[in-house]
Amino acid sequence: MKLKKYASCILVLGLCFASSMNVSFANEDANVDPTEKKAMIEKQRSQFNELDNKIRESKSQIPQPNKVQYRSARSVAGNYPTKPGSILVTRDGILDVFMGHGGIVYNASTTVESYIGSGVGTYSNNWNARYNTVYGAEVNGISLAQGQAAATYAYNQRGKNYNYFYCNPENLDNYYCSQLVYQAYKQTMGIDINADGGIVFPIDLILSNNTHTVYTQGV
């Protein structure tokens, strides 16, 4: 699975480099092979569907403090995330090769997110009103101070451009949505929350063995 993801990454990266460096969202869509893009979207859709099925099947389970049981406790509705460093993911919508969107909580009222066109900025922490489906997650075993450090890292990237070269999530000059969250934890404490390597899709942040789900909506 990981090998296939890297192969897709190489194809997308090649297509991106073959295009202008000043690519816009409108023509970025045309620069990715439609068949490959469809395959990536369908894989993410399948992963979200599988996750949703597990959530529905385990609604009566109580989370236990170990990694294996974290993975089976994704059904917990919980409280909407306001803790700094909490991860937010939605499956709503398709944006180029991504299904859904990812962001990080800076404080109870503010998130840090990256969008095509505007790049990294701050937004209202109201995903529960903004989207139909929401998954809230936290990184396993971190302290409040560590969560704040990750949130502050993302906050300090404000003003940086959107990263259209999806296969280069190690680029620290600009960020796409889920890459920003991934790098916030990698740069501050060396924790890798990309579940499958290569492009960091929003679903990867939830499926990572280093995260556990604390809130769900619309599942």
N, C-alpha and C. Protein backbone atom coordinates (compact mmCIF):
# COMPACT_ATOMS: atom_id res chain seq x y z
N MET A 1 0.82 -1.19 0.00
CA MET A 1 0.00 0.00 0.00
C MET A 1 0.86 1.25 0.00
N LYS A 2 1.91 1.26 0.86
CA LYS A 2 2.78 2.42 0.93
C LYS A 2 3.55 2.60 -0.36
N LEU A 3 4.00 1.49 -0.99
CA LEU A 3 4.71 1.56 -2.25
C LEU A 3 3.83 2.19 -3.32
N LYS A 4 2.56 1.79 -3.37
CA LYS A 4 1.63 2.36 -4.34
C LYS A 4 1.45 3.85 -4.12
N LYS A 5 1.40 4.26 -2.85
CA LYS A 5 1.23 5.67 -2.55
C LYS A 5 2.44 6.48 -3.02
N TYR A 6 3.64 5.94 -2.82
CA TYR A 6 4.84 6.63 -3.29
C TYR A 6 4.89 6.68 -4.81
N ALA A 7 4.43 5.62 -5.47
CA ALA A 7 4.40 5.61 -6.94
C ALA A 7 3.46 6.70 -7.44
N SER A 8 2.31 6.84 -6.82
CA SER A 8 1.36 7.89 -7.18
C SER A 8 1.99 9.25 -6.96
N CYS A 9 2.74 9.36 -5.88
CA CYS A 9 3.40 10.61 -5.53
C CYS A 9 4.39 11.03 -6.62
N ILE A 10 5.16 10.06 -7.10
CA ILE A 10 6.15 10.36 -8.14
C ILE A 10 5.47 10.86 -9.40
N LEU A 11 4.35 10.24 -9.77
CA LEU A 11 3.62 10.67 -10.95
C LEU A 11 3.08 12.08 -10.79
N VAL A 12 2.45 12.36 -9.65
CA VAL A 12 1.89 13.68 -9.42
C VAL A 12 2.98 14.73 -9.38
N LEU A 13 4.11 14.42 -8.71
CA LEU A 13 5.21 15.37 -8.62
C LEU A 13 5.78 15.67 -9.99
N GLY A 14 5.92 14.65 -10.82
CA GLY A 14 6.43 14.86 -12.17
C GLY A 14 5.52 15.77 -12.98
N LEU A 15 4.23 15.56 -12.85
CA LEU A 15 3.27 16.39 -13.56
C LEU A 15 3.31 17.82 -13.06
N CYS A 16 3.50 17.98 -11.75
CA CYS A 16 3.58 19.33 -11.19
C CYS A 16 4.81 20.07 -11.68
N PHE A 17 5.97 19.40 -11.67
CA PHE A 17 7.19 20.06 -12.11
C PHE A 17 7.17 20.37 -13.60
N ALA A 18 6.39 19.60 -14.35
CA ALA A 18 6.29 19.87 -15.78
C ALA A 18 5.47 21.11 -16.06
N SER A 19 4.72 21.58 -15.07
CA SER A 19 3.88 22.76 -15.23
C SER A 19 4.62 23.99 -14.75
N SER A 20 3.97 25.13 -14.87
CA SER A 20 4.56 26.39 -14.41
C SER A 20 4.69 26.41 -12.91
N MET A 21 5.72 27.07 -12.40
CA MET A 21 5.88 27.22 -10.96
C MET A 21 4.80 28.13 -10.39
N ASN A 22 4.22 28.98 -11.23
CA ASN A 22 3.17 29.89 -10.78
C ASN A 22 1.80 29.28 -11.02
N VAL A 23 1.62 28.05 -10.59
CA VAL A 23 0.39 27.32 -10.86
C VAL A 23 -0.73 27.84 -9.97
N SER A 24 -1.93 27.92 -10.52
CA SER A 24 -3.11 28.31 -9.76
C SER A 24 -3.99 27.09 -9.57
N PHE A 25 -4.98 27.22 -8.69
CA PHE A 25 -5.87 26.09 -8.45
C PHE A 25 -6.58 25.69 -9.74
N ALA A 26 -6.96 26.67 -10.54
CA ALA A 26 -7.73 26.38 -11.75
C ALA A 26 -6.96 25.48 -12.71
N ASN A 27 -5.67 25.78 -12.93
CA ASN A 27 -4.94 24.93 -13.88
C ASN A 27 -4.18 23.81 -13.19
N GLU A 28 -4.05 23.86 -11.85
CA GLU A 28 -3.44 22.73 -11.13
C GLU A 28 -4.28 21.48 -11.37
N ASP A 29 -5.58 21.66 -11.39
CA ASP A 29 -6.49 20.53 -11.59
C ASP A 29 -6.21 19.83 -12.90
N ALA A 30 -5.84 20.59 -13.92
CA ALA A 30 -5.60 20.02 -15.24
C ALA A 30 -4.24 19.36 -15.35
N ASN A 31 -3.34 19.64 -14.39
CA ASN A 31 -1.97 19.14 -14.47
C ASN A 31 -1.79 17.77 -13.81
N VAL A 32 -2.80 17.28 -13.13
CA VAL A 32 -2.74 15.97 -12.51
C VAL A 32 -3.55 15.00 -13.35
N ASP A 33 -2.95 13.86 -13.66
CA ASP A 33 -3.62 12.87 -14.50
C ASP A 33 -4.98 12.52 -13.89
N PRO A 34 -6.07 12.67 -14.64
CA PRO A 34 -7.42 12.44 -14.08
C PRO A 34 -7.61 11.02 -13.54
N THR A 35 -7.02 10.02 -14.21
CA THR A 35 -7.17 8.65 -13.74
C THR A 35 -6.48 8.45 -12.40
N GLU A 36 -5.26 9.00 -12.28
CA GLU A 36 -4.51 8.88 -11.03
C GLU A 36 -5.20 9.64 -9.91
N LYS A 37 -5.71 10.83 -10.24
CA LYS A 37 -6.41 11.62 -9.23
C LYS A 37 -7.65 10.88 -8.74
N LYS A 38 -8.39 10.29 -9.65
CA LYS A 38 -9.59 9.55 -9.28
C LYS A 38 -9.24 8.38 -8.36
N ALA A 39 -8.13 7.70 -8.65
CA ALA A 39 -7.71 6.57 -7.82
C ALA A 39 -7.37 7.03 -6.41
N MET A 40 -6.68 8.18 -6.30
CA MET A 40 -6.32 8.69 -4.98
C MET A 40 -7.56 9.09 -4.18
N ILE A 41 -8.51 9.75 -4.84
CA ILE A 41 -9.75 10.15 -4.17
C ILE A 41 -10.53 8.92 -3.72
N GLU A 42 -10.60 7.91 -4.58
CA GLU A 42 -11.36 6.70 -4.24
C GLU A 42 -10.71 5.97 -3.07
N LYS A 43 -9.39 5.97 -3.02
CA LYS A 43 -8.71 5.34 -1.88
C LYS A 43 -9.07 6.06 -0.59
N GLN A 44 -9.03 7.40 -0.61
CA GLN A 44 -9.37 8.16 0.59
C GLN A 44 -10.84 7.95 0.97
N ARG A 45 -11.72 7.91 -0.03
CA ARG A 45 -13.13 7.68 0.25
C ARG A 45 -13.33 6.33 0.93
N SER A 46 -12.62 5.31 0.42
CA SER A 46 -12.70 3.97 1.00
C SER A 46 -12.19 3.96 2.43
N GLN A 47 -11.10 4.69 2.70
CA GLN A 47 -10.55 4.75 4.05
C GLN A 47 -11.52 5.45 5.01
N PHE A 48 -12.13 6.53 4.55
CA PHE A 48 -13.13 7.21 5.38
C PHE A 48 -14.32 6.30 5.65
N ASN A 49 -14.77 5.60 4.62
CA ASN A 49 -15.91 4.70 4.79
C ASN A 49 -15.60 3.59 5.79
N GLU A 50 -14.39 3.04 5.69
CA GLU A 50 -13.99 1.99 6.61
C GLU A 50 -13.92 2.53 8.04
N LEU A 51 -13.38 3.73 8.19
CA LEU A 51 -13.30 4.36 9.50
C LEU A 51 -14.70 4.58 10.07
N ASP A 52 -15.61 5.10 9.23
CA ASP A 52 -16.97 5.35 9.69
C ASP A 52 -17.67 4.07 10.12
N ASN A 53 -17.44 3.00 9.39
CA ASN A 53 -18.04 1.72 9.76
C ASN A 53 -17.53 1.25 11.12
N LYS A 54 -16.24 1.42 11.38
CA LYS A 54 -15.67 1.03 12.67
C LYS A 54 -16.25 1.89 13.79
N ILE A 55 -16.44 3.17 13.50
CA ILE A 55 -17.02 4.07 14.50
C ILE A 55 -18.43 3.62 14.86
N ARG A 56 -19.22 3.31 13.85
CA ARG A 56 -20.60 2.90 14.10
C ARG A 56 -20.68 1.58 14.85
N GLU A 57 -19.73 0.68 14.53
CA GLU A 57 -19.73 -0.64 15.17
C GLU A 57 -19.27 -0.58 16.62
N SER A 58 -18.53 0.45 16.98
CA SER A 58 -17.93 0.48 18.32
C SER A 58 -18.47 1.61 19.20
N LYS A 59 -19.67 2.06 18.92
CA LYS A 59 -20.22 3.21 19.65
C LYS A 59 -20.34 2.98 21.15
N SER A 60 -20.45 1.74 21.57
CA SER A 60 -20.62 1.47 22.99
C SER A 60 -19.30 1.24 23.72
N GLN A 61 -18.19 1.27 22.97
CA GLN A 61 -16.90 0.99 23.60
C GLN A 61 -16.38 2.21 24.35
N ILE A 62 -15.64 1.96 25.43
CA ILE A 62 -15.05 3.03 26.23
C ILE A 62 -13.55 3.06 25.95
N PRO A 63 -12.98 4.26 25.66
CA PRO A 63 -11.55 4.33 25.38
C PRO A 63 -10.71 3.86 26.56
N GLN A 64 -9.65 3.12 26.25
CA GLN A 64 -8.71 2.68 27.26
C GLN A 64 -7.33 3.23 26.91
N PRO A 65 -6.48 3.49 27.91
CA PRO A 65 -5.21 4.17 27.66
C PRO A 65 -4.11 3.26 27.11
N ASN A 66 -4.36 2.66 25.97
CA ASN A 66 -3.27 2.01 25.25
C ASN A 66 -3.56 2.07 23.76
N LYS A 67 -2.51 1.96 22.96
CA LYS A 67 -2.61 2.24 21.53
C LYS A 67 -3.61 1.33 20.83
N VAL A 68 -3.61 0.04 21.13
CA VAL A 68 -4.50 -0.89 20.45
C VAL A 68 -5.95 -0.52 20.69
N GLN A 69 -6.29 -0.21 21.93
CA GLN A 69 -7.67 0.11 22.25
C GLN A 69 -8.04 1.51 21.79
N TYR A 70 -7.07 2.42 21.67
CA TYR A 70 -7.34 3.71 21.07
C TYR A 70 -7.97 3.50 19.69
N ARG A 71 -7.39 2.56 18.93
CA ARG A 71 -7.81 2.35 17.55
C ARG A 71 -9.24 1.85 17.45
N SER A 72 -9.74 1.18 18.49
CA SER A 72 -11.10 0.66 18.45
C SER A 72 -12.09 1.58 19.13
N ALA A 73 -11.61 2.74 19.59
CA ALA A 73 -12.48 3.62 20.35
C ALA A 73 -12.85 4.89 19.58
N ARG A 74 -12.80 4.81 18.25
CA ARG A 74 -13.01 5.99 17.43
C ARG A 74 -14.47 6.46 17.41
N SER A 75 -15.36 5.68 17.99
CA SER A 75 -16.77 6.03 17.94
C SER A 75 -17.17 7.10 18.95
N VAL A 76 -16.34 7.37 19.95
CA VAL A 76 -16.70 8.26 21.03
C VAL A 76 -17.02 9.64 20.49
N ALA A 77 -18.22 10.14 20.78
CA ALA A 77 -18.62 11.46 20.30
C ALA A 77 -17.76 12.53 20.96
N GLY A 78 -17.62 12.44 22.29
CA GLY A 78 -16.73 13.34 23.01
C GLY A 78 -17.18 14.79 22.97
N ASN A 79 -16.30 15.66 23.42
CA ASN A 79 -16.54 17.09 23.39
C ASN A 79 -15.78 17.71 22.23
N TYR A 80 -16.37 18.72 21.63
CA TYR A 80 -15.71 19.37 20.49
C TYR A 80 -14.32 19.88 20.91
N PRO A 81 -13.27 19.62 20.10
CA PRO A 81 -11.90 19.95 20.50
C PRO A 81 -11.63 21.45 20.62
N THR A 82 -11.15 21.85 21.78
CA THR A 82 -10.71 23.23 22.00
C THR A 82 -9.29 23.29 22.57
N LYS A 83 -8.72 22.11 22.85
CA LYS A 83 -7.38 22.05 23.43
C LYS A 83 -6.32 22.37 22.37
N PRO A 84 -5.36 23.25 22.67
CA PRO A 84 -4.29 23.55 21.71
C PRO A 84 -3.59 22.28 21.24
N GLY A 85 -3.40 22.17 19.94
CA GLY A 85 -2.74 21.01 19.37
C GLY A 85 -3.68 19.94 18.90
N SER A 86 -4.97 20.05 19.24
CA SER A 86 -5.95 19.07 18.75
C SER A 86 -6.03 19.14 17.23
N ILE A 87 -6.26 18.00 16.63
CA ILE A 87 -6.30 17.88 15.17
C ILE A 87 -7.76 17.80 14.72
N LEU A 88 -8.10 18.55 13.68
CA LEU A 88 -9.44 18.53 13.11
C LEU A 88 -9.37 18.07 11.66
N VAL A 89 -10.26 17.15 11.31
CA VAL A 89 -10.34 16.65 9.94
C VAL A 89 -11.80 16.56 9.54
N THR A 90 -12.10 16.93 8.31
CA THR A 90 -13.42 16.68 7.74
C THR A 90 -13.25 15.88 6.46
N ARG A 91 -14.26 15.08 6.14
CA ARG A 91 -14.25 14.39 4.86
C ARG A 91 -15.08 15.14 3.83
N ASP A 92 -15.69 16.24 4.21
CA ASP A 92 -16.55 17.01 3.31
C ASP A 92 -15.75 17.59 2.15
N GLY A 93 -16.23 17.38 0.96
CA GLY A 93 -15.67 18.03 -0.22
C GLY A 93 -14.43 17.37 -0.78
N ILE A 94 -14.11 17.74 -2.02
CA ILE A 94 -12.91 17.26 -2.72
C ILE A 94 -12.18 18.47 -3.26
N LEU A 95 -10.90 18.59 -2.95
CA LEU A 95 -10.08 19.70 -3.41
C LEU A 95 -8.85 19.13 -4.10
N ASP A 96 -8.91 19.09 -5.42
CA ASP A 96 -7.83 18.53 -6.23
C ASP A 96 -7.61 17.06 -5.83
N VAL A 97 -6.44 16.67 -5.30
CA VAL A 97 -6.20 15.26 -4.97
C VAL A 97 -6.65 14.91 -3.56
N PHE A 98 -7.17 15.89 -2.83
CA PHE A 98 -7.53 15.67 -1.44
C PHE A 98 -9.03 15.49 -1.26
N MET A 99 -9.40 14.55 -0.40
CA MET A 99 -10.77 14.46 0.06
C MET A 99 -10.81 15.06 1.45
N GLY A 100 -11.61 16.12 1.60
CA GLY A 100 -11.72 16.77 2.89
C GLY A 100 -10.63 17.79 3.15
N HIS A 101 -10.38 18.03 4.44
CA HIS A 101 -9.52 19.13 4.86
C HIS A 101 -9.02 18.83 6.27
N GLY A 102 -7.86 19.39 6.63
CA GLY A 102 -7.32 19.22 7.97
C GLY A 102 -6.84 20.53 8.55
N GLY A 103 -6.88 20.64 9.87
CA GLY A 103 -6.40 21.84 10.55
C GLY A 103 -5.99 21.51 11.97
N ILE A 104 -5.46 22.50 12.68
CA ILE A 104 -5.00 22.30 14.06
C ILE A 104 -5.58 23.40 14.94
N VAL A 105 -5.96 23.03 16.15
CA VAL A 105 -6.52 23.99 17.10
C VAL A 105 -5.40 24.80 17.74
N TYR A 106 -5.52 26.13 17.68
CA TYR A 106 -4.56 27.01 18.35
C TYR A 106 -5.04 27.36 19.76
N ASN A 107 -6.32 27.67 19.87
CA ASN A 107 -6.93 27.85 21.19
C ASN A 107 -8.43 27.60 21.05
N ALA A 108 -9.18 27.82 22.09
CA ALA A 108 -10.60 27.49 22.08
C ALA A 108 -11.38 28.16 20.97
N SER A 109 -10.93 29.33 20.52
CA SER A 109 -11.68 30.07 19.51
C SER A 109 -11.00 30.13 18.15
N THR A 110 -9.79 29.58 18.03
CA THR A 110 -8.99 29.78 16.82
C THR A 110 -8.35 28.49 16.33
N THR A 111 -8.38 28.29 15.01
CA THR A 111 -7.65 27.21 14.37
C THR A 111 -6.61 27.80 13.42
N VAL A 112 -5.64 26.97 13.05
CA VAL A 112 -4.68 27.34 12.00
C VAL A 112 -4.88 26.37 10.86
N GLU A 113 -5.06 26.90 9.65
CA GLU A 113 -5.37 26.09 8.48
C GLU A 113 -4.68 26.67 7.26
N SER A 114 -4.52 25.85 6.22
CA SER A 114 -3.95 26.33 4.96
C SER A 114 -4.92 26.02 3.83
N TYR A 115 -5.20 27.05 3.04
CA TYR A 115 -6.11 26.93 1.92
C TYR A 115 -5.43 27.37 0.62
N ILE A 116 -5.87 26.77 -0.47
CA ILE A 116 -5.44 27.22 -1.79
C ILE A 116 -5.79 28.70 -1.94
N GLY A 117 -4.83 29.47 -2.44
CA GLY A 117 -5.06 30.89 -2.66
C GLY A 117 -4.60 31.74 -1.51
N SER A 118 -5.07 31.44 -0.30
CA SER A 118 -4.74 32.28 0.86
C SER A 118 -3.56 31.75 1.67
N GLY A 119 -3.24 30.47 1.53
CA GLY A 119 -2.13 29.89 2.30
C GLY A 119 -2.49 29.73 3.76
N VAL A 120 -1.48 29.83 4.63
CA VAL A 120 -1.67 29.56 6.06
C VAL A 120 -2.25 30.78 6.76
N GLY A 121 -3.32 30.56 7.53
CA GLY A 121 -3.94 31.64 8.27
C GLY A 121 -4.72 31.11 9.45
N THR A 122 -5.32 32.01 10.21
CA THR A 122 -6.12 31.63 11.37
C THR A 122 -7.61 31.77 11.02
N TYR A 123 -8.41 30.91 11.65
CA TYR A 123 -9.85 30.86 11.38
C TYR A 123 -10.59 30.58 12.68
N SER A 124 -11.90 30.78 12.64
CA SER A 124 -12.72 30.49 13.81
C SER A 124 -12.76 28.99 14.07
N ASN A 125 -12.66 28.62 15.32
CA ASN A 125 -12.72 27.20 15.69
C ASN A 125 -14.18 26.78 15.79
N ASN A 126 -14.79 26.63 14.62
CA ASN A 126 -16.22 26.30 14.56
C ASN A 126 -16.51 25.22 13.53
N TRP A 127 -15.62 24.24 13.46
CA TRP A 127 -15.80 23.18 12.48
C TRP A 127 -17.11 22.44 12.68
N ASN A 128 -17.58 22.37 13.92
CA ASN A 128 -18.84 21.68 14.19
C ASN A 128 -20.03 22.39 13.55
N ALA A 129 -19.88 23.66 13.22
CA ALA A 129 -20.91 24.40 12.48
C ALA A 129 -20.56 24.52 11.00
N ARG A 130 -19.27 24.46 10.71
CA ARG A 130 -18.79 24.69 9.34
C ARG A 130 -18.95 23.47 8.45
N TYR A 131 -18.81 22.28 9.03
CA TYR A 131 -18.81 21.04 8.24
C TYR A 131 -19.85 20.05 8.76
N ASN A 132 -20.28 19.18 7.88
CA ASN A 132 -21.22 18.12 8.28
C ASN A 132 -20.52 17.01 9.05
N THR A 133 -19.32 16.63 8.57
CA THR A 133 -18.57 15.56 9.24
C THR A 133 -17.29 16.13 9.83
N VAL A 134 -17.01 15.77 11.07
CA VAL A 134 -15.81 16.24 11.75
C VAL A 134 -15.22 15.10 12.56
N TYR A 135 -13.90 14.95 12.49
CA TYR A 135 -13.16 14.01 13.32
C TYR A 135 -12.14 14.84 14.10
N GLY A 136 -12.20 14.75 15.42
CA GLY A 136 -11.22 15.42 16.26
C GLY A 136 -10.26 14.40 16.82
N ALA A 137 -8.97 14.68 16.78
CA ALA A 137 -7.97 13.71 17.26
C ALA A 137 -6.92 14.41 18.10
N GLU A 138 -6.24 13.62 18.90
CA GLU A 138 -5.09 14.10 19.67
C GLU A 138 -3.94 13.13 19.46
N VAL A 139 -2.73 13.65 19.63
CA VAL A 139 -1.54 12.81 19.52
C VAL A 139 -1.37 12.05 20.84
N ASN A 140 -1.06 10.78 20.74
CA ASN A 140 -0.96 9.91 21.91
C ASN A 140 0.12 10.36 22.89
N GLY A 141 -0.26 10.45 24.16
CA GLY A 141 0.71 10.60 25.23
C GLY A 141 1.42 11.93 25.35
N ILE A 142 0.92 12.98 24.71
CA ILE A 142 1.62 14.26 24.81
C ILE A 142 1.03 15.10 25.96
N SER A 143 1.80 16.06 26.43
CA SER A 143 1.36 16.95 27.49
C SER A 143 0.64 18.16 26.89
N LEU A 144 0.00 18.94 27.75
CA LEU A 144 -0.65 20.17 27.30
C LEU A 144 0.38 21.12 26.68
N ALA A 145 1.57 21.17 27.30
CA ALA A 145 2.62 22.06 26.79
C ALA A 145 3.09 21.63 25.41
N GLN A 146 3.16 20.32 25.18
CA GLN A 146 3.58 19.83 23.86
C GLN A 146 2.52 20.13 22.80
N GLY A 147 1.24 19.97 23.17
CA GLY A 147 0.18 20.32 22.25
C GLY A 147 0.22 21.79 21.90
N GLN A 148 0.48 22.62 22.90
CA GLN A 148 0.58 24.06 22.67
C GLN A 148 1.77 24.38 21.76
N ALA A 149 2.88 23.67 21.94
CA ALA A 149 4.06 23.90 21.11
C ALA A 149 3.76 23.59 19.64
N ALA A 150 3.05 22.49 19.39
CA ALA A 150 2.68 22.16 18.01
C ALA A 150 1.75 23.21 17.42
N ALA A 151 0.77 23.65 18.22
CA ALA A 151 -0.16 24.68 17.76
C ALA A 151 0.57 25.99 17.47
N THR A 152 1.53 26.32 18.31
CA THR A 152 2.29 27.56 18.11
C THR A 152 3.16 27.48 16.87
N TYR A 153 3.73 26.29 16.61
CA TYR A 153 4.50 26.12 15.37
C TYR A 153 3.62 26.45 14.16
N ALA A 154 2.43 25.86 14.12
CA ALA A 154 1.52 26.12 12.99
C ALA A 154 1.16 27.60 12.92
N TYR A 155 0.88 28.19 14.07
CA TYR A 155 0.51 29.62 14.14
C TYR A 155 1.62 30.50 13.57
N ASN A 156 2.86 30.12 13.83
CA ASN A 156 4.00 30.91 13.36
C ASN A 156 4.25 30.79 11.87
N GLN A 157 3.53 29.89 11.20
CA GLN A 157 3.67 29.75 9.74
C GLN A 157 2.68 30.65 8.99
N ARG A 158 1.89 31.43 9.72
CA ARG A 158 0.92 32.32 9.08
C ARG A 158 1.58 33.19 8.01
N GLY A 159 0.88 33.32 6.89
CA GLY A 159 1.39 34.14 5.79
C GLY A 159 2.15 33.35 4.75
N LYS A 160 2.53 32.10 5.07
CA LYS A 160 3.21 31.27 4.07
C LYS A 160 2.21 30.76 3.04
N ASN A 161 2.70 30.55 1.83
CA ASN A 161 1.84 30.17 0.72
C ASN A 161 1.42 28.71 0.80
N TYR A 162 0.43 28.39 0.00
CA TYR A 162 -0.04 27.01 -0.12
C TYR A 162 0.98 26.19 -0.91
N ASN A 163 1.22 24.97 -0.49
CA ASN A 163 2.17 24.08 -1.17
C ASN A 163 1.43 23.21 -2.19
N TYR A 164 1.62 23.51 -3.47
CA TYR A 164 0.96 22.74 -4.53
C TYR A 164 1.71 21.46 -4.86
N PHE A 165 2.95 21.33 -4.36
CA PHE A 165 3.74 20.14 -4.65
C PHE A 165 3.51 19.12 -3.53
N TYR A 166 2.38 18.47 -3.64
CA TYR A 166 1.86 17.61 -2.56
C TYR A 166 2.83 16.52 -2.14
N CYS A 167 3.64 16.06 -3.09
CA CYS A 167 4.56 14.96 -2.80
C CYS A 167 5.79 15.40 -2.02
N ASN A 168 5.87 16.68 -1.69
CA ASN A 168 6.99 17.18 -0.91
C ASN A 168 6.50 17.73 0.43
N PRO A 169 6.00 16.85 1.31
CA PRO A 169 5.49 17.33 2.59
C PRO A 169 6.60 17.77 3.54
N GLU A 170 7.89 17.56 3.15
CA GLU A 170 9.00 17.99 4.00
C GLU A 170 9.41 19.43 3.71
N ASN A 171 8.79 20.06 2.73
CA ASN A 171 9.05 21.46 2.42
C ASN A 171 8.51 22.33 3.56
N LEU A 172 9.36 23.19 4.11
CA LEU A 172 8.94 24.04 5.22
C LEU A 172 8.72 25.49 4.79
N ASP A 173 8.77 25.74 3.49
CA ASP A 173 8.56 27.10 2.99
C ASP A 173 7.08 27.40 2.75
N ASN A 174 6.30 26.38 2.47
CA ASN A 174 4.85 26.54 2.30
C ASN A 174 4.17 25.22 2.60
N TYR A 175 2.86 25.27 2.79
CA TYR A 175 2.15 24.11 3.34
C TYR A 175 0.78 23.93 2.71
N TYR A 176 0.41 22.67 2.46
CA TYR A 176 -1.01 22.38 2.24
C TYR A 176 -1.61 21.97 3.58
N CYS A 177 -2.93 21.81 3.62
CA CYS A 177 -3.63 21.73 4.91
C CYS A 177 -3.10 20.66 5.86
N SER A 178 -3.12 19.42 5.43
CA SER A 178 -2.72 18.33 6.32
C SER A 178 -1.20 18.28 6.53
N GLN A 179 -0.44 18.78 5.57
CA GLN A 179 1.01 18.89 5.73
C GLN A 179 1.35 19.81 6.90
N LEU A 180 0.61 20.91 7.03
CA LEU A 180 0.85 21.86 8.12
C LEU A 180 0.71 21.17 9.48
N VAL A 181 -0.32 20.37 9.65
CA VAL A 181 -0.55 19.66 10.91
C VAL A 181 0.55 18.63 11.14
N TYR A 182 0.88 17.90 10.09
CA TYR A 182 1.95 16.89 10.15
C TYR A 182 3.27 17.51 10.59
N GLN A 183 3.65 18.64 9.97
CA GLN A 183 4.92 19.27 10.30
C GLN A 183 4.91 19.92 11.68
N ALA A 184 3.74 20.34 12.15
CA ALA A 184 3.65 20.94 13.48
C ALA A 184 4.14 19.96 14.53
N TYR A 185 3.79 18.68 14.36
CA TYR A 185 4.22 17.67 15.32
C TYR A 185 5.61 17.12 15.00
N LYS A 186 5.95 17.03 13.75
CA LYS A 186 7.27 16.51 13.41
C LYS A 186 8.37 17.48 13.83
N GLN A 187 8.16 18.77 13.59
CA GLN A 187 9.19 19.76 13.88
C GLN A 187 9.33 20.05 15.37
N THR A 188 8.26 19.96 16.13
CA THR A 188 8.34 20.31 17.55
C THR A 188 8.71 19.13 18.45
N MET A 189 8.35 17.91 18.05
CA MET A 189 8.67 16.78 18.93
C MET A 189 9.03 15.50 18.18
N GLY A 190 9.22 15.59 16.87
CA GLY A 190 9.69 14.44 16.10
C GLY A 190 8.67 13.33 15.94
N ILE A 191 7.38 13.63 16.10
CA ILE A 191 6.34 12.62 15.98
C ILE A 191 5.76 12.64 14.57
N ASP A 192 5.74 11.47 13.94
CA ASP A 192 5.23 11.33 12.57
C ASP A 192 3.77 10.90 12.63
N ILE A 193 2.86 11.77 12.17
CA ILE A 193 1.43 11.44 12.18
C ILE A 193 0.90 11.23 10.76
N ASN A 194 1.80 10.94 9.81
CA ASN A 194 1.39 10.58 8.46
C ASN A 194 1.25 9.06 8.41
N ALA A 195 0.03 8.58 8.32
CA ALA A 195 -0.23 7.14 8.46
C ALA A 195 0.45 6.28 7.41
N ASP A 196 0.61 6.81 6.20
CA ASP A 196 0.99 5.92 5.10
C ASP A 196 2.14 6.41 4.25
N GLY A 197 2.88 7.44 4.69
CA GLY A 197 4.00 7.95 3.92
C GLY A 197 3.56 8.73 2.69
N GLY A 198 4.51 9.39 2.04
CA GLY A 198 4.20 10.14 0.83
C GLY A 198 3.31 11.34 1.11
N ILE A 199 2.38 11.62 0.20
CA ILE A 199 1.44 12.72 0.39
C ILE A 199 0.73 12.55 1.74
N VAL A 200 0.60 13.64 2.49
CA VAL A 200 -0.12 13.59 3.76
C VAL A 200 -1.58 13.97 3.48
N PHE A 201 -2.43 12.99 3.35
CA PHE A 201 -3.85 13.25 3.16
C PHE A 201 -4.50 13.53 4.52
N PRO A 202 -5.61 14.29 4.55
CA PRO A 202 -6.29 14.52 5.84
C PRO A 202 -6.61 13.24 6.60
N ILE A 203 -7.06 12.19 5.91
CA ILE A 203 -7.40 10.93 6.56
C ILE A 203 -6.18 10.32 7.26
N ASP A 204 -4.96 10.57 6.74
CA ASP A 204 -3.75 10.01 7.36
C ASP A 204 -3.58 10.49 8.79
N LEU A 205 -4.01 11.72 9.08
CA LEU A 205 -3.86 12.28 10.42
C LEU A 205 -4.71 11.54 11.44
N ILE A 206 -5.84 10.99 10.97
CA ILE A 206 -6.74 10.24 11.85
C ILE A 206 -6.32 8.78 11.95
N LEU A 207 -5.83 8.21 10.86
CA LEU A 207 -5.47 6.80 10.83
C LEU A 207 -4.09 6.51 11.43
N SER A 208 -3.31 7.54 11.67
CA SER A 208 -1.97 7.34 12.23
C SER A 208 -2.01 6.56 13.53
N ASN A 209 -1.05 5.67 13.73
CA ASN A 209 -0.91 4.95 14.99
C ASN A 209 -0.51 5.87 16.14
N ASN A 210 -0.09 7.10 15.80
CA ASN A 210 0.33 8.05 16.82
C ASN A 210 -0.78 9.02 17.24
N THR A 211 -1.99 8.81 16.72
CA THR A 211 -3.11 9.65 17.13
C THR A 211 -4.28 8.78 17.57
N HIS A 212 -5.19 9.37 18.32
CA HIS A 212 -6.44 8.70 18.67
C HIS A 212 -7.58 9.70 18.56
N THR A 213 -8.74 9.24 18.20
CA THR A 213 -9.89 10.09 17.96
C THR A 213 -10.63 10.38 19.26
N VAL A 214 -10.95 11.65 19.48
CA VAL A 214 -11.63 12.06 20.71
C VAL A 214 -13.01 12.67 20.43
N TYR A 215 -13.31 12.92 19.16
CA TYR A 215 -14.60 13.56 18.83
C TYR A 215 -14.99 13.16 17.42
N THR A 216 -16.26 12.87 17.24
CA THR A 216 -16.78 12.64 15.89
C THR A 216 -18.12 13.32 15.75
N GLN A 217 -18.40 13.75 14.54
CA GLN A 217 -19.68 14.39 14.21
C GLN A 217 -20.11 13.94 12.83
N GLY A 218 -21.36 13.61 12.68
CA GLY A 218 -21.91 13.30 11.39
C GLY A 218 -21.57 11.93 10.85
N VAL A 219 -21.16 11.02 11.74
CA VAL A 219 -20.79 9.67 11.30
C VAL A 219 -21.92 8.71 11.64
